[in-house]
């Protein structure tokens, strides 16, 4: 879960400093289901009644989007000084530290934001995510449960709890229930839709999993979202049904949508190996390791394939890399 959260935050912190719920190109798609404008984070902390502070706050995302981190930090420091009882300045300082992967410093600022603005759901949400990043899962869970009690109509807490239970605790049924609750609150949440489908796939319910994946494909298309995992899910299920043509069609659509997502190329490599086209399989797997050198799976598949192709030097390289990655990242 930690690695996933880091990827989500790296990819999906928008100009307002808000992690977005769906990977949508639409500017109104937000981290927690409501419309977010440039002043969204500032409004959440109640700055609408303070025009001067609101203008200072609204300048921060503009500096962030322009890569002017020092200027953004100065503005956030100004908010801390001028509004010592509000958590908004510390929230932005935490976002700045998070973007630089300074997680402990970010955590301290998010804790300060919650201490000063204890009733703001956005502050609890980002604090909980930061706890998860540093693997303090009990504290993460406390923040998410606070949100389910105090902001019960927001979907993101249910989404993250679903991930926590299904992936970290291997409690798939409980995770599925949280994904369903997230979708009740936000039917357009394509990540919860995909992960519900994946849980159903794990449980062997391919028919319902396919329904969720195809619903996710349709929703992502309607939103203009750059999110290919539902396409991957459809391709996997067709491959399990030995329908290689349909599997290839969907994995190619996934690659077209997200050509730099390593898991798309990994799935394509598996498909080619399944059909016996080892040369294309190797090419796809090499693309996967180029895009994500920290994933052990394609190295293992390359090792086995190079042995079949009687390429001992290449097989040795893949074996060494596989073992290095497993050791470095603790993969099973």
C-alpha atoms as a PDB file:
ATOM      1  CA  UNK A   1       0.000   0.000   0.000  1.00  0.00           C
ATOM      2  CA  UNK A   2       2.851   2.386   0.776  1.00  0.00           C
ATOM      3  CA  UNK A   3       4.271   2.147  -2.738  1.00  0.00           C
ATOM      4  CA  UNK A   4       0.818   2.630  -4.231  1.00  0.00           C
ATOM      5  CA  UNK A   5       0.159   5.714  -2.129  1.00  0.00           C
ATOM      6  CA  UNK A   6       3.469   7.208  -3.180  1.00  0.00           C
ATOM      7  CA  UNK A   7       2.646   6.628  -6.843  1.00  0.00           C
ATOM      8  CA  UNK A   8      -0.820   8.110  -6.416  1.00  0.00           C
ATOM      9  CA  UNK A   9       0.544  11.178  -4.679  1.00  0.00           C
ATOM     10  CA  UNK A  10       3.372  11.604  -7.154  1.00  0.00           C
ATOM     11  CA  UNK A  11       0.984  11.370 -10.088  1.00  0.00           C
ATOM     12  CA  UNK A  12      -2.135  12.968  -8.696  1.00  0.00           C
ATOM     13  CA  UNK A  13      -1.369  15.970  -6.520  1.00  0.00           C
ATOM     14  CA  UNK A  14      -2.937  18.716  -8.536  1.00  0.00           C
ATOM     15  CA  UNK A  15      -2.236  22.418  -8.578  1.00  0.00           C
ATOM     16  CA  UNK A  16      -4.344  22.905  -5.482  1.00  0.00           C
ATOM     17  CA  UNK A  17      -2.252  20.432  -3.487  1.00  0.00           C
ATOM     18  CA  UNK A  18      -5.119  17.951  -3.514  1.00  0.00           C
ATOM     19  CA  UNK A  19      -4.639  14.293  -4.425  1.00  0.00           C
ATOM     20  CA  UNK A  20      -7.307  13.611  -7.027  1.00  0.00           C
ATOM     21  CA  UNK A  21      -9.812  10.782  -6.820  1.00  0.00           C
ATOM     22  CA  UNK A  22      -9.762   9.756 -10.436  1.00  0.00           C
ATOM     23  CA  UNK A  23      -6.948  10.228 -12.874  1.00  0.00           C
ATOM     24  CA  UNK A  24      -9.116  12.559 -14.853  1.00  0.00           C
ATOM     25  CA  UNK A  25      -8.156  15.355 -17.152  1.00  0.00           C
ATOM     26  CA  UNK A  26     -11.260  17.219 -16.030  1.00  0.00           C
ATOM     27  CA  UNK A  27     -10.340  20.139 -13.771  1.00  0.00           C
ATOM     28  CA  UNK A  28     -13.377  19.513 -11.557  1.00  0.00           C
ATOM     29  CA  UNK A  29     -12.330  15.953 -10.643  1.00  0.00           C
ATOM     30  CA  UNK A  30     -11.187  16.068  -7.037  1.00  0.00           C
ATOM     31  CA  UNK A  31      -9.639  13.975  -4.365  1.00  0.00           C
ATOM     32  CA  UNK A  32     -12.880  13.520  -2.520  1.00  0.00           C
ATOM     33  CA  UNK A  33     -15.731  13.835  -4.921  1.00  0.00           C
ATOM     34  CA  UNK A  34     -16.656  17.526  -4.796  1.00  0.00           C
ATOM     35  CA  UNK A  35     -15.820  20.209  -7.286  1.00  0.00           C
ATOM     36  CA  UNK A  36     -12.403  21.701  -6.611  1.00  0.00           C
ATOM     37  CA  UNK A  37     -11.468  25.061  -8.051  1.00  0.00           C
ATOM     38  CA  UNK A  38      -8.217  26.984  -7.643  1.00  0.00           C
ATOM     39  CA  UNK A  39      -9.394  28.184  -4.244  1.00  0.00           C
ATOM     40  CA  UNK A  40     -10.617  24.734  -3.108  1.00  0.00           C
ATOM     41  CA  UNK A  41      -7.987  24.060  -0.455  1.00  0.00           C
ATOM     42  CA  UNK A  42      -8.259  27.626   0.784  1.00  0.00           C
ATOM     43  CA  UNK A  43     -12.036  27.450   1.056  1.00  0.00           C
ATOM     44  CA  UNK A  44     -11.810  24.182   2.969  1.00  0.00           C
ATOM     45  CA  UNK A  45      -9.930  26.006   5.727  1.00  0.00           C
ATOM     46  CA  UNK A  46     -12.486  28.812   5.837  1.00  0.00           C
ATOM     47  CA  UNK A  47     -10.522  31.584   4.143  1.00  0.00           C
ATOM     48  CA  UNK A  48     -13.470  32.874   2.085  1.00  0.00           C
ATOM     49  CA  UNK A  49     -14.201  35.334   4.890  1.00  0.00           C
ATOM     50  CA  UNK A  50     -10.617  36.638   4.860  1.00  0.00           C
ATOM     51  CA  UNK A  51      -9.970  37.995   1.357  1.00  0.00           C
ATOM     52  CA  UNK A  52      -6.329  38.965   1.928  1.00  0.00           C
ATOM     53  CA  UNK A  53      -5.379  35.583   3.379  1.00  0.00           C
ATOM     54  CA  UNK A  54      -7.449  33.917   0.663  1.00  0.00           C
ATOM     55  CA  UNK A  55      -5.454  35.686  -2.038  1.00  0.00           C
ATOM     56  CA  UNK A  56      -2.186  34.626  -0.384  1.00  0.00           C
ATOM     57  CA  UNK A  57      -3.421  31.065  -0.192  1.00  0.00           C
ATOM     58  CA  UNK A  58      -4.573  30.985  -3.813  1.00  0.00           C
ATOM     59  CA  UNK A  59      -1.135  32.079  -4.988  1.00  0.00           C
ATOM     60  CA  UNK A  60       0.468  28.954  -3.511  1.00  0.00           C
ATOM     61  CA  UNK A  61      -0.928  26.438  -6.044  1.00  0.00           C
ATOM     62  CA  UNK A  62       0.061  28.762  -8.863  1.00  0.00           C
ATOM     63  CA  UNK A  63       3.635  28.812  -7.565  1.00  0.00           C
ATOM     64  CA  UNK A  64       3.575  25.033  -7.154  1.00  0.00           C
ATOM     65  CA  UNK A  65       2.331  24.438 -10.682  1.00  0.00           C
ATOM     66  CA  UNK A  66       5.128  26.695 -11.938  1.00  0.00           C
ATOM     67  CA  UNK A  67       7.760  24.811  -9.971  1.00  0.00           C
ATOM     68  CA  UNK A  68       8.493  27.818  -7.764  1.00  0.00           C
ATOM     69  CA  UNK A  69       8.710  25.894  -4.508  1.00  0.00           C
ATOM     70  CA  UNK A  70      10.634  28.555  -2.574  1.00  0.00           C
ATOM     71  CA  UNK A  71       8.015  31.182  -3.356  1.00  0.00           C
ATOM     72  CA  UNK A  72       5.246  28.754  -2.418  1.00  0.00           C
ATOM     73  CA  UNK A  73       6.998  28.052   0.878  1.00  0.00           C
ATOM     74  CA  UNK A  74       7.306  31.763   1.648  1.00  0.00           C
ATOM     75  CA  UNK A  75       3.585  32.214   1.062  1.00  0.00           C
ATOM     76  CA  UNK A  76       2.766  29.235   3.293  1.00  0.00           C
ATOM     77  CA  UNK A  77       5.033  30.632   6.006  1.00  0.00           C
ATOM     78  CA  UNK A  78       3.126  33.906   5.732  1.00  0.00           C
ATOM     79  CA  UNK A  79      -0.128  32.067   6.384  1.00  0.00           C
ATOM     80  CA  UNK A  80       1.397  30.341   9.415  1.00  0.00           C
ATOM     81  CA  UNK A  81       2.462  33.723  10.811  1.00  0.00           C
ATOM     82  CA  UNK A  82      -0.702  35.659  10.000  1.00  0.00           C
ATOM     83  CA  UNK A  83      -3.170  32.864  10.853  1.00  0.00           C
ATOM     84  CA  UNK A  84      -1.554  31.048  13.793  1.00  0.00           C
ATOM     85  CA  UNK A  85      -4.837  29.430  14.846  1.00  0.00           C
ATOM     86  CA  UNK A  86      -5.532  27.985  11.375  1.00  0.00           C
ATOM     87  CA  UNK A  87      -3.974  24.847   9.954  1.00  0.00           C
ATOM     88  CA  UNK A  88      -3.920  26.111   6.371  1.00  0.00           C
ATOM     89  CA  UNK A  89      -0.296  27.267   6.381  1.00  0.00           C
ATOM     90  CA  UNK A  90       0.925  24.002   7.855  1.00  0.00           C
ATOM     91  CA  UNK A  91      -1.212  22.097   5.344  1.00  0.00           C
ATOM     92  CA  UNK A  92       0.604  23.765   2.467  1.00  0.00           C
ATOM     93  CA  UNK A  93       4.006  23.324   4.095  1.00  0.00           C
ATOM     94  CA  UNK A  94       3.172  19.641   4.441  1.00  0.00           C
ATOM     95  CA  UNK A  95       2.226  19.429   0.766  1.00  0.00           C
ATOM     96  CA  UNK A  96       5.563  21.005  -0.142  1.00  0.00           C
ATOM     97  CA  UNK A  97       7.475  18.505   2.002  1.00  0.00           C
ATOM     98  CA  UNK A  98       5.428  15.630   0.623  1.00  0.00           C
ATOM     99  CA  UNK A  99       6.207  16.611  -2.947  1.00  0.00           C
ATOM    100  CA  UNK A 100       9.891  16.462  -2.007  1.00  0.00           C
ATOM    101  CA  UNK A 101       9.408  13.074  -0.285  1.00  0.00           C
ATOM    102  CA  UNK A 102      10.384  14.493   3.101  1.00  0.00           C
ATOM    103  CA  UNK A 103       7.750  12.431   4.830  1.00  0.00           C
ATOM    104  CA  UNK A 104       8.522  12.992   8.517  1.00  0.00           C
ATOM    105  CA  UNK A 105       8.643  16.748   8.039  1.00  0.00           C
ATOM    106  CA  UNK A 106       5.402  16.567   6.049  1.00  0.00           C
ATOM    107  CA  UNK A 107       3.800  14.508   8.813  1.00  0.00           C
ATOM    108  CA  UNK A 108       4.661  17.111  11.449  1.00  0.00           C
ATOM    109  CA  UNK A 109       3.062  19.857   9.391  1.00  0.00           C
ATOM    110  CA  UNK A 110      -0.083  17.801   8.762  1.00  0.00           C
ATOM    111  CA  UNK A 111      -0.323  17.039  12.491  1.00  0.00           C
ATOM    112  CA  UNK A 112      -0.016  20.755  13.158  1.00  0.00           C
ATOM    113  CA  UNK A 113      -2.752  21.434  10.599  1.00  0.00           C
ATOM    114  CA  UNK A 114      -5.122  18.999  12.340  1.00  0.00           C
ATOM    115  CA  UNK A 115      -4.242  20.398  15.779  1.00  0.00           C
ATOM    116  CA  UNK A 116      -5.175  23.907  14.612  1.00  0.00           C
ATOM    117  CA  UNK A 117      -8.128  22.940  12.388  1.00  0.00           C
ATOM    118  CA  UNK A 118      -9.485  19.743  13.940  1.00  0.00           C
ATOM    119  CA  UNK A 119     -12.807  19.889  12.120  1.00  0.00           C
ATOM    120  CA  UNK A 120     -11.429  20.082   8.555  1.00  0.00           C
ATOM    121  CA  UNK A 121     -11.815  16.744   6.707  1.00  0.00           C
ATOM    122  CA  UNK A 122      -9.099  17.604   4.178  1.00  0.00           C
ATOM    123  CA  UNK A 123      -6.545  17.913   6.992  1.00  0.00           C
ATOM    124  CA  UNK A 124      -7.451  14.512   8.449  1.00  0.00           C
ATOM    125  CA  UNK A 125      -7.381  12.907   5.016  1.00  0.00           C
ATOM    126  CA  UNK A 126      -3.876  14.027   4.103  1.00  0.00           C
ATOM    127  CA  UNK A 127      -2.611  13.249   7.616  1.00  0.00           C
ATOM    128  CA  UNK A 128      -3.980   9.712   7.303  1.00  0.00           C
ATOM    129  CA  UNK A 129      -2.326   9.230   3.936  1.00  0.00           C
ATOM    130  CA  UNK A 130       0.980  10.424   5.348  1.00  0.00           C
ATOM    131  CA  UNK A 131       0.665   7.942   8.219  1.00  0.00           C
ATOM    132  CA  UNK A 132       0.160   5.166   5.676  1.00  0.00           C
ATOM    133  CA  UNK A 133       3.220   6.240   3.694  1.00  0.00           C
ATOM    134  CA  UNK A 134       5.403   5.803   6.779  1.00  0.00           C
ATOM    135  CA  UNK A 135       3.573   2.536   7.587  1.00  0.00           C
ATOM    136  CA  UNK A 136       1.824   3.750  10.715  1.00  0.00           C
ATOM    137  CA  UNK A 137      -1.310   1.913   9.720  1.00  0.00           C
ATOM    138  CA  UNK A 138      -3.194   2.076  13.015  1.00  0.00           C
ATOM    139  CA  UNK A 139      -2.901   5.866  13.000  1.00  0.00           C
ATOM    140  CA  UNK A 140      -3.864   5.870   9.311  1.00  0.00           C
ATOM    141  CA  UNK A 141      -6.966   3.854  10.159  1.00  0.00           C
ATOM    142  CA  UNK A 142      -7.909   6.232  12.963  1.00  0.00           C
ATOM    143  CA  UNK A 143      -7.890   9.185  10.578  1.00  0.00           C
ATOM    144  CA  UNK A 144      -9.921   7.344   7.948  1.00  0.00           C
ATOM    145  CA  UNK A 145     -12.488   6.251  10.536  1.00  0.00           C
ATOM    146  CA  UNK A 146     -12.688   9.852  11.764  1.00  0.00           C
ATOM    147  CA  UNK A 147     -13.652  10.807   8.229  1.00  0.00           C
ATOM    148  CA  UNK A 148     -16.321   8.098   7.949  1.00  0.00           C
ATOM    149  CA  UNK A 149     -17.885   9.515  11.133  1.00  0.00           C
ATOM    150  CA  UNK A 150     -17.484  13.245  10.535  1.00  0.00           C
ATOM    151  CA  UNK A 151     -17.628  13.399   6.722  1.00  0.00           C
ATOM    152  CA  UNK A 152     -19.745  10.313   5.961  1.00  0.00           C
ATOM    153  CA  UNK A 153     -20.682  11.344   2.429  1.00  0.00           C
ATOM    154  CA  UNK A 154     -17.104  11.590   1.212  1.00  0.00           C
ATOM    155  CA  UNK A 155     -15.793   8.508  -0.601  1.00  0.00           C
ATOM    156  CA  UNK A 156     -12.027   8.680  -0.249  1.00  0.00           C
ATOM    157  CA  UNK A 157     -11.777   7.308   3.285  1.00  0.00           C
ATOM    158  CA  UNK A 158     -13.704   4.224   2.151  1.00  0.00           C
ATOM    159  CA  UNK A 159     -11.442   3.852  -0.872  1.00  0.00           C
ATOM    160  CA  UNK A 160      -8.277   3.917   1.228  1.00  0.00           C
ATOM    161  CA  UNK A 161      -9.731   1.622   3.876  1.00  0.00           C
ATOM    162  CA  UNK A 162     -10.654  -0.782   1.087  1.00  0.00           C
ATOM    163  CA  UNK A 163      -7.060  -0.833  -0.089  1.00  0.00           C
ATOM    164  CA  UNK A 164      -5.792  -1.287   3.451  1.00  0.00           C
ATOM    165  CA  UNK A 165      -7.995  -4.273   4.229  1.00  0.00           C
ATOM    166  CA  UNK A 166      -7.803  -5.987   0.857  1.00  0.00           C
ATOM    167  CA  UNK A 167      -4.076  -5.550   0.229  1.00  0.00           C
ATOM    168  CA  UNK A 168      -2.263  -5.027   3.511  1.00  0.00           C
ATOM    169  CA  UNK A 169      -4.419  -7.248   5.727  1.00  0.00           C
ATOM    170  CA  UNK A 170      -5.510  -9.668   2.983  1.00  0.00           C
ATOM    171  CA  UNK A 171      -9.118  -9.301   4.131  1.00  0.00           C
ATOM    172  CA  UNK A 172     -10.604  -9.196   0.655  1.00  0.00           C
ATOM    173  CA  UNK A 173     -14.262  -9.383   1.689  1.00  0.00           C
ATOM    174  CA  UNK A 174     -13.936  -6.432   4.070  1.00  0.00           C
ATOM    175  CA  UNK A 175     -12.001  -4.505   1.459  1.00  0.00           C
ATOM    176  CA  UNK A 176     -14.767  -5.150  -1.070  1.00  0.00           C
ATOM    177  CA  UNK A 177     -17.359  -3.757   1.325  1.00  0.00           C
ATOM    178  CA  UNK A 178     -15.392  -0.524   1.680  1.00  0.00           C
ATOM    179  CA  UNK A 179     -15.039  -0.236  -2.112  1.00  0.00           C
ATOM    180  CA  UNK A 180     -18.798  -0.682  -2.449  1.00  0.00           C
ATOM    181  CA  UNK A 181     -19.391   2.038   0.134  1.00  0.00           C
ATOM    182  CA  UNK A 182     -17.012   4.322  -1.738  1.00  0.00           C
ATOM    183  CA  UNK A 183     -18.968   3.713  -4.943  1.00  0.00           C
ATOM    184  CA  UNK A 184     -22.278   4.384  -3.195  1.00  0.00           C
ATOM    185  CA  UNK A 185     -20.944   7.824  -2.340  1.00  0.00           C
ATOM    186  CA  UNK A 186     -19.161   8.418  -5.640  1.00  0.00           C
ATOM    187  CA  UNK A 187     -20.310   6.146  -8.504  1.00  0.00           C
ATOM    188  CA  UNK A 188     -17.706   7.796 -10.758  1.00  0.00           C
ATOM    189  CA  UNK A 189     -14.786   6.590  -8.603  1.00  0.00           C
ATOM    190  CA  UNK A 190     -12.965   4.518 -11.211  1.00  0.00           C
ATOM    191  CA  UNK A 191     -10.237   3.381  -8.832  1.00  0.00           C
ATOM    192  CA  UNK A 192     -12.722   1.838  -6.397  1.00  0.00           C
ATOM    193  CA  UNK A 193     -14.519   0.335  -9.388  1.00  0.00           C
ATOM    194  CA  UNK A 194     -11.332  -1.309 -10.633  1.00  0.00           C
ATOM    195  CA  UNK A 195     -10.257  -2.568  -7.211  1.00  0.00           C
ATOM    196  CA  UNK A 196     -13.699  -4.025  -6.542  1.00  0.00           C
ATOM    197  CA  UNK A 197     -13.379  -5.876  -9.844  1.00  0.00           C
ATOM    198  CA  UNK A 198      -9.906  -7.063  -8.909  1.00  0.00           C
ATOM    199  CA  UNK A 199     -11.151  -8.384  -5.563  1.00  0.00           C
ATOM    200  CA  UNK A 200     -13.920 -10.262  -7.375  1.00  0.00           C
ATOM    201  CA  UNK A 201     -11.314 -11.661  -9.781  1.00  0.00           C
ATOM    202  CA  UNK A 202      -9.228 -12.877  -6.840  1.00  0.00           C
ATOM    203  CA  UNK A 203     -12.286 -14.625  -5.428  1.00  0.00           C
ATOM    204  CA  UNK A 204     -12.895 -16.367  -8.766  1.00  0.00           C
ATOM    205  CA  UNK A 205     -16.093 -14.512  -9.661  1.00  0.00           C
ATOM    206  CA  UNK A 206     -15.034 -13.677 -13.210  1.00  0.00           C
ATOM    207  CA  UNK A 207     -18.485 -12.686 -14.433  1.00  0.00           C
ATOM    208  CA  UNK A 208     -18.979  -9.982 -11.805  1.00  0.00           C
ATOM    209  CA  UNK A 209     -15.350  -8.922 -12.103  1.00  0.00           C
ATOM    210  CA  UNK A 210     -15.813  -8.412 -15.838  1.00  0.00           C
ATOM    211  CA  UNK A 211     -18.904  -6.289 -15.153  1.00  0.00           C
ATOM    212  CA  UNK A 212     -16.927  -4.024 -12.823  1.00  0.00           C
ATOM    213  CA  UNK A 213     -13.962  -3.787 -15.184  1.00  0.00           C
ATOM    214  CA  UNK A 214     -16.121  -2.891 -18.171  1.00  0.00           C
ATOM    215  CA  UNK A 215     -18.026  -0.366 -16.065  1.00  0.00           C
ATOM    216  CA  UNK A 216     -14.650   1.100 -15.121  1.00  0.00           C
ATOM    217  CA  UNK A 217     -13.584   1.240 -18.770  1.00  0.00           C
ATOM    218  CA  UNK A 218     -16.802   3.073 -19.671  1.00  0.00           C
ATOM    219  CA  UNK A 219     -16.534   5.480 -16.727  1.00  0.00           C
ATOM    220  CA  UNK A 220     -12.899   6.280 -17.452  1.00  0.00           C
ATOM    221  CA  UNK A 221     -13.758   6.986 -21.066  1.00  0.00           C
ATOM    222  CA  UNK A 222     -16.676   9.228 -20.109  1.00  0.00           C
ATOM    223  CA  UNK A 223     -14.446  11.188 -17.723  1.00  0.00           C
ATOM    224  CA  UNK A 224     -11.570  11.474 -20.172  1.00  0.00           C
ATOM    225  CA  UNK A 225      -9.441   9.763 -17.526  1.00  0.00           C
ATOM    226  CA  UNK A 226      -5.943   8.499 -18.214  1.00  0.00           C
ATOM    227  CA  UNK A 227      -6.474   5.282 -16.272  1.00  0.00           C
ATOM    228  CA  UNK A 228      -5.830   1.939 -17.951  1.00  0.00           C
ATOM    229  CA  UNK A 229      -6.178  -0.594 -15.125  1.00  0.00           C
ATOM    230  CA  UNK A 230      -9.789  -1.518 -15.985  1.00  0.00           C
ATOM    231  CA  UNK A 231      -8.599  -2.305 -19.522  1.00  0.00           C
ATOM    232  CA  UNK A 232      -5.905  -4.506 -17.990  1.00  0.00           C
ATOM    233  CA  UNK A 233      -8.542  -6.295 -15.953  1.00  0.00           C
ATOM    234  CA  UNK A 234     -10.667  -7.049 -19.015  1.00  0.00           C
ATOM    235  CA  UNK A 235      -7.570  -8.317 -20.860  1.00  0.00           C
ATOM    236  CA  UNK A 236      -6.598 -10.590 -17.957  1.00  0.00           C
ATOM    237  CA  UNK A 237     -10.045 -12.155 -17.809  1.00  0.00           C
ATOM    238  CA  UNK A 238     -10.124 -12.772 -21.556  1.00  0.00           C
ATOM    239  CA  UNK A 239      -6.692 -14.386 -21.287  1.00  0.00           C
ATOM    240  CA  UNK A 240      -7.993 -16.642 -18.519  1.00  0.00           C
ATOM    241  CA  UNK A 241     -10.773 -17.651 -20.918  1.00  0.00           C
ATOM    242  CA  UNK A 242      -8.138 -18.442 -23.598  1.00  0.00           C
ATOM    243  CA  UNK A 243      -9.511 -15.656 -25.778  1.00  0.00           C
ATOM    244  CA  UNK A 244      -6.110 -14.352 -26.836  1.00  0.00           C
ATOM    245  CA  UNK A 245      -7.443 -12.047 -29.557  1.00  0.00           C
ATOM    246  CA  UNK A 246      -9.724 -10.120 -27.204  1.00  0.00           C
ATOM    247  CA  UNK A 247      -7.023 -10.070 -24.523  1.00  0.00           C
ATOM    248  CA  UNK A 248      -4.563  -8.569 -27.016  1.00  0.00           C
ATOM    249  CA  UNK A 249      -7.139  -6.002 -28.117  1.00  0.00           C
ATOM    250  CA  UNK A 250      -7.652  -4.732 -24.578  1.00  0.00           C
ATOM    251  CA  UNK A 251      -4.022  -4.762 -23.508  1.00  0.00           C
ATOM    252  CA  UNK A 252      -3.146  -2.780 -26.619  1.00  0.00           C
ATOM    253  CA  UNK A 253      -5.850  -0.273 -25.687  1.00  0.00           C
ATOM    254  CA  UNK A 254      -4.306  -0.058 -22.214  1.00  0.00           C
ATOM    255  CA  UNK A 255      -0.866   0.641 -23.673  1.00  0.00           C
ATOM    256  CA  UNK A 256      -2.279   3.238 -26.025  1.00  0.00           C
ATOM    257  CA  UNK A 257      -3.893   4.990 -23.068  1.00  0.00           C
ATOM    258  CA  UNK A 258      -0.888   4.739 -20.724  1.00  0.00           C
ATOM    259  CA  UNK A 259       2.214   3.829 -22.741  1.00  0.00           C
ATOM    260  CA  UNK A 260       4.559   4.515 -19.830  1.00  0.00           C
ATOM    261  CA  UNK A 261       2.774   2.269 -17.325  1.00  0.00           C
ATOM    262  CA  UNK A 262       5.056  -0.737 -16.822  1.00  0.00           C
ATOM    263  CA  UNK A 263       2.289  -3.130 -15.812  1.00  0.00           C
ATOM    264  CA  UNK A 264       0.655  -2.729 -19.227  1.00  0.00           C
ATOM    265  CA  UNK A 265       3.820  -3.973 -20.939  1.00  0.00           C
ATOM    266  CA  UNK A 266       4.214  -6.733 -18.354  1.00  0.00           C
ATOM    267  CA  UNK A 267       0.735  -8.002 -19.181  1.00  0.00           C
ATOM    268  CA  UNK A 268       1.498  -7.802 -22.905  1.00  0.00           C
ATOM    269  CA  UNK A 269       4.671  -9.810 -22.299  1.00  0.00           C
ATOM    270  CA  UNK A 270       2.730 -12.472 -20.412  1.00  0.00           C
ATOM    271  CA  UNK A 271       0.212 -12.632 -23.251  1.00  0.00           C
ATOM    272  CA  UNK A 272       2.895 -13.154 -25.884  1.00  0.00           C
ATOM    273  CA  UNK A 273       4.586 -15.824 -23.762  1.00  0.00           C
ATOM    274  CA  UNK A 274       1.204 -17.529 -23.372  1.00  0.00           C
ATOM    275  CA  UNK A 275       0.749 -17.626 -27.134  1.00  0.00           C
ATOM    276  CA  UNK A 276       4.320 -18.819 -27.721  1.00  0.00           C
ATOM    277  CA  UNK A 277       5.643 -15.658 -29.360  1.00  0.00           C
ATOM    278  CA  UNK A 278       8.769 -15.508 -27.207  1.00  0.00           C
ATOM    279  CA  UNK A 279      10.532 -12.761 -29.166  1.00  0.00           C
ATOM    280  CA  UNK A 280       7.633 -10.336 -28.746  1.00  0.00           C
ATOM    281  CA  UNK A 281       7.272 -11.453 -25.153  1.00  0.00           C
ATOM    282  CA  UNK A 282      10.889 -10.601 -24.425  1.00  0.00           C
ATOM    283  CA  UNK A 283      10.540  -7.190 -26.100  1.00  0.00           C
ATOM    284  CA  UNK A 284       7.476  -6.343 -24.007  1.00  0.00           C
ATOM    285  CA  UNK A 285       9.106  -7.535 -20.789  1.00  0.00           C
ATOM    286  CA  UNK A 286      12.249  -5.515 -21.496  1.00  0.00           C
ATOM    287  CA  UNK A 287      10.041  -2.472 -21.957  1.00  0.00           C
ATOM    288  CA  UNK A 288       8.410  -3.234 -18.593  1.00  0.00           C
ATOM    289  CA  UNK A 289      11.746  -3.369 -16.743  1.00  0.00           C
ATOM    290  CA  UNK A 290      12.911  -0.182 -18.444  1.00  0.00           C
ATOM    291  CA  UNK A 291       9.818   1.595 -17.163  1.00  0.00           C
ATOM    292  CA  UNK A 292       9.862   0.049 -13.672  1.00  0.00           C
ATOM    293  CA  UNK A 293      13.213  -1.485 -12.713  1.00  0.00           C
ATOM    294  CA  UNK A 294      11.942  -2.088  -9.157  1.00  0.00           C
ATOM    295  CA  UNK A 295       9.421  -4.783 -10.133  1.00  0.00           C
ATOM    296  CA  UNK A 296      10.846  -8.309  -9.854  1.00  0.00           C
ATOM    297  CA  UNK A 297       8.145 -10.088 -11.891  1.00  0.00           C
ATOM    298  CA  UNK A 298       9.339  -9.243 -15.424  1.00  0.00           C
ATOM    299  CA  UNK A 299      12.934 -10.182 -14.536  1.00  0.00           C
ATOM    300  CA  UNK A 300      11.776 -13.625 -13.461  1.00  0.00           C
ATOM    301  CA  UNK A 301       9.795 -14.110 -16.665  1.00  0.00           C
ATOM    302  CA  UNK A 302      12.773 -12.945 -18.704  1.00  0.00           C
ATOM    303  CA  UNK A 303      15.018 -15.400 -16.844  1.00  0.00           C
ATOM    304  CA  UNK A 304      12.735 -18.332 -17.669  1.00  0.00           C
ATOM    305  CA  UNK A 305      12.286 -17.215 -21.264  1.00  0.00           C
ATOM    306  CA  UNK A 306      15.999 -16.706 -21.889  1.00  0.00           C
ATOM    307  CA  UNK A 307      16.624 -20.232 -20.592  1.00  0.00           C
ATOM    308  CA  UNK A 308      14.059 -21.544 -23.085  1.00  0.00           C
ATOM    309  CA  UNK A 309      15.763 -19.560 -25.838  1.00  0.00           C
ATOM    310  CA  UNK A 310      19.153 -20.990 -24.759  1.00  0.00           C
ATOM    311  CA  UNK A 311      20.593 -17.564 -24.001  1.00  0.00           C
ATOM    312  CA  UNK A 312      22.567 -18.280 -20.801  1.00  0.00           C
ATOM    313  CA  UNK A 313      24.248 -14.877 -20.460  1.00  0.00           C
ATOM    314  CA  UNK A 314      20.939 -13.043 -20.737  1.00  0.00           C
ATOM    315  CA  UNK A 315      19.309 -15.542 -18.386  1.00  0.00           C
ATOM    316  CA  UNK A 316      22.032 -14.936 -15.811  1.00  0.00           C
ATOM    317  CA  UNK A 317      21.551 -11.173 -16.073  1.00  0.00           C
ATOM    318  CA  UNK A 318      17.795 -11.521 -15.536  1.00  0.00           C
ATOM    319  CA  UNK A 319      18.308 -13.891 -12.601  1.00  0.00           C
ATOM    320  CA  UNK A 320      20.758 -11.538 -10.898  1.00  0.00           C
ATOM    321  CA  UNK A 321      18.426  -8.552 -11.362  1.00  0.00           C
ATOM    322  CA  UNK A 322      15.468 -10.593 -10.077  1.00  0.00           C
ATOM    323  CA  UNK A 323      17.330 -11.498  -6.897  1.00  0.00           C
ATOM    324  CA  UNK A 324      18.623  -7.943  -6.411  1.00  0.00           C
ATOM    325  CA  UNK A 325      15.158  -6.462  -6.701  1.00  0.00           C
ATOM    326  CA  UNK A 326      13.626  -9.025  -4.362  1.00  0.00           C
ATOM    327  CA  UNK A 327      16.302  -8.298  -1.768  1.00  0.00           C
ATOM    328  CA  UNK A 328      16.069  -4.532  -2.126  1.00  0.00           C
ATOM    329  CA  UNK A 329      12.291  -4.254  -2.090  1.00  0.00           C
ATOM    330  CA  UNK A 330      11.330  -7.280  -0.036  1.00  0.00           C
ATOM    331  CA  UNK A 331       9.125  -8.772  -2.727  1.00  0.00           C
ATOM    332  CA  UNK A 332       7.788 -12.254  -2.179  1.00  0.00           C
END
